[in-house]
Protein backbone atom coordinates (compact mmCIF):
# COMPACT_ATOMS: atom_id res chain seq x y z
CA MET A 1 89.71 85.33 124.84
CA HIS A 2 90.43 81.72 123.79
CA ARG A 3 86.89 80.65 124.66
CA ALA A 4 85.28 83.55 122.76
CA ILE A 5 87.29 82.74 119.63
CA ARG A 6 86.51 79.02 119.86
CA ASP A 7 82.80 79.75 120.37
CA PHE A 8 82.78 82.09 117.36
CA LEU A 9 84.47 79.47 115.16
CA LEU A 10 82.10 76.75 116.32
CA GLU A 11 78.96 78.79 115.77
CA GLU A 12 79.93 80.52 112.51
CA PHE A 13 81.79 77.77 110.69
CA LEU A 14 80.75 74.45 112.20
CA GLY A 15 77.17 75.22 113.23
CA ALA A 16 77.88 73.72 116.63
CA GLU A 17 77.63 74.98 120.15
CA GLY A 18 79.86 73.46 122.80
CA ASP A 19 79.66 69.90 121.44
CA ILE A 20 83.08 70.12 119.79
CA GLU A 21 86.28 71.38 121.36
CA ILE A 22 88.86 73.19 119.26
CA ALA A 23 92.33 72.86 120.77
CA ASP A 24 94.43 76.03 120.89
CA ASP A 25 97.05 74.45 118.60
CA ARG A 26 94.67 72.86 116.09
CA ASP A 27 95.40 73.96 112.50
CA LEU A 28 92.23 75.77 111.46
CA PHE A 29 93.08 75.64 107.75
CA GLU A 30 94.25 72.04 107.60
CA THR A 31 91.04 70.92 109.31
CA GLU A 32 89.00 73.18 107.02
CA ILE A 33 87.42 75.09 109.89
CA LEU A 34 88.68 78.36 108.44
CA ASP A 35 89.33 79.57 104.90
CA SER A 36 90.18 82.90 103.30
CA MET A 37 86.57 84.11 103.39
CA GLY A 38 86.24 82.96 106.97
CA ILE A 39 89.23 85.06 107.95
CA MET A 40 87.30 88.17 106.91
CA LEU A 41 84.39 87.26 109.21
CA LEU A 42 86.79 86.44 112.01
CA ILE A 43 88.60 89.77 111.58
CA GLY A 44 85.32 91.63 111.93
CA PHE A 45 84.53 89.69 115.11
CA VAL A 46 88.01 90.29 116.57
CA GLU A 47 87.96 94.01 115.80
CA ASP A 48 84.51 94.45 117.34
CA GLU A 49 85.08 92.23 120.36
CA TRP A 50 88.49 93.55 121.42
CA GLU A 51 88.46 96.99 119.78
CA VAL A 52 91.67 96.42 117.85
CA GLU A 53 92.47 97.10 114.22
CA ILE A 54 93.80 94.25 112.12
CA GLU A 55 95.97 95.77 109.40
CA PRO A 56 96.24 94.23 105.92
CA GLU A 57 99.82 93.13 106.67
CA ASP A 58 98.49 91.19 109.70
CA VAL A 59 96.27 89.04 107.49
CA THR A 60 98.59 86.07 107.06
CA ILE A 61 98.02 82.37 107.47
CA PRO A 62 100.45 82.12 110.42
CA ASN A 63 98.46 84.80 112.33
CA PHE A 64 95.20 82.88 111.87
CA LYS A 65 96.42 79.28 111.75
CA THR A 66 95.43 78.39 115.31
CA VAL A 67 93.41 79.83 118.17
CA ALA A 68 96.69 80.43 120.01
CA ALA A 69 98.05 82.42 117.03
CA ILE A 70 94.88 84.53 116.86
CA VAL A 71 95.09 85.27 120.58
CA ALA A 72 98.77 86.23 120.22
CA LEU A 73 97.87 88.63 117.39
CA ILE A 74 95.09 90.23 119.45
CA GLU A 75 97.34 90.56 122.49
CA SER A 76 100.08 92.18 120.39
CA LYS A 77 97.55 94.67 119.00
CA MET A 78 96.24 95.47 122.48
CA ALA A 79 99.78 96.00 123.81
CA GLY A 80 100.96 98.10 120.96
């Protein structure tokens, strides 16, 4: 799951493949990898890839701040 999210971020937002590593705790907003428009693309990817539904109340900066936070959100959706 971590790898798939990192690969998506690299390809969609940095135009890179495997050359750069995004740490699980790296702030995706502070480093300008992700912005509000990017969240919408990422949500579509997450919903398709893991067959979960991200509700409007889930769309918060803390839930998308890091790869680890995104994985935690997906796992909570899959469990619930």
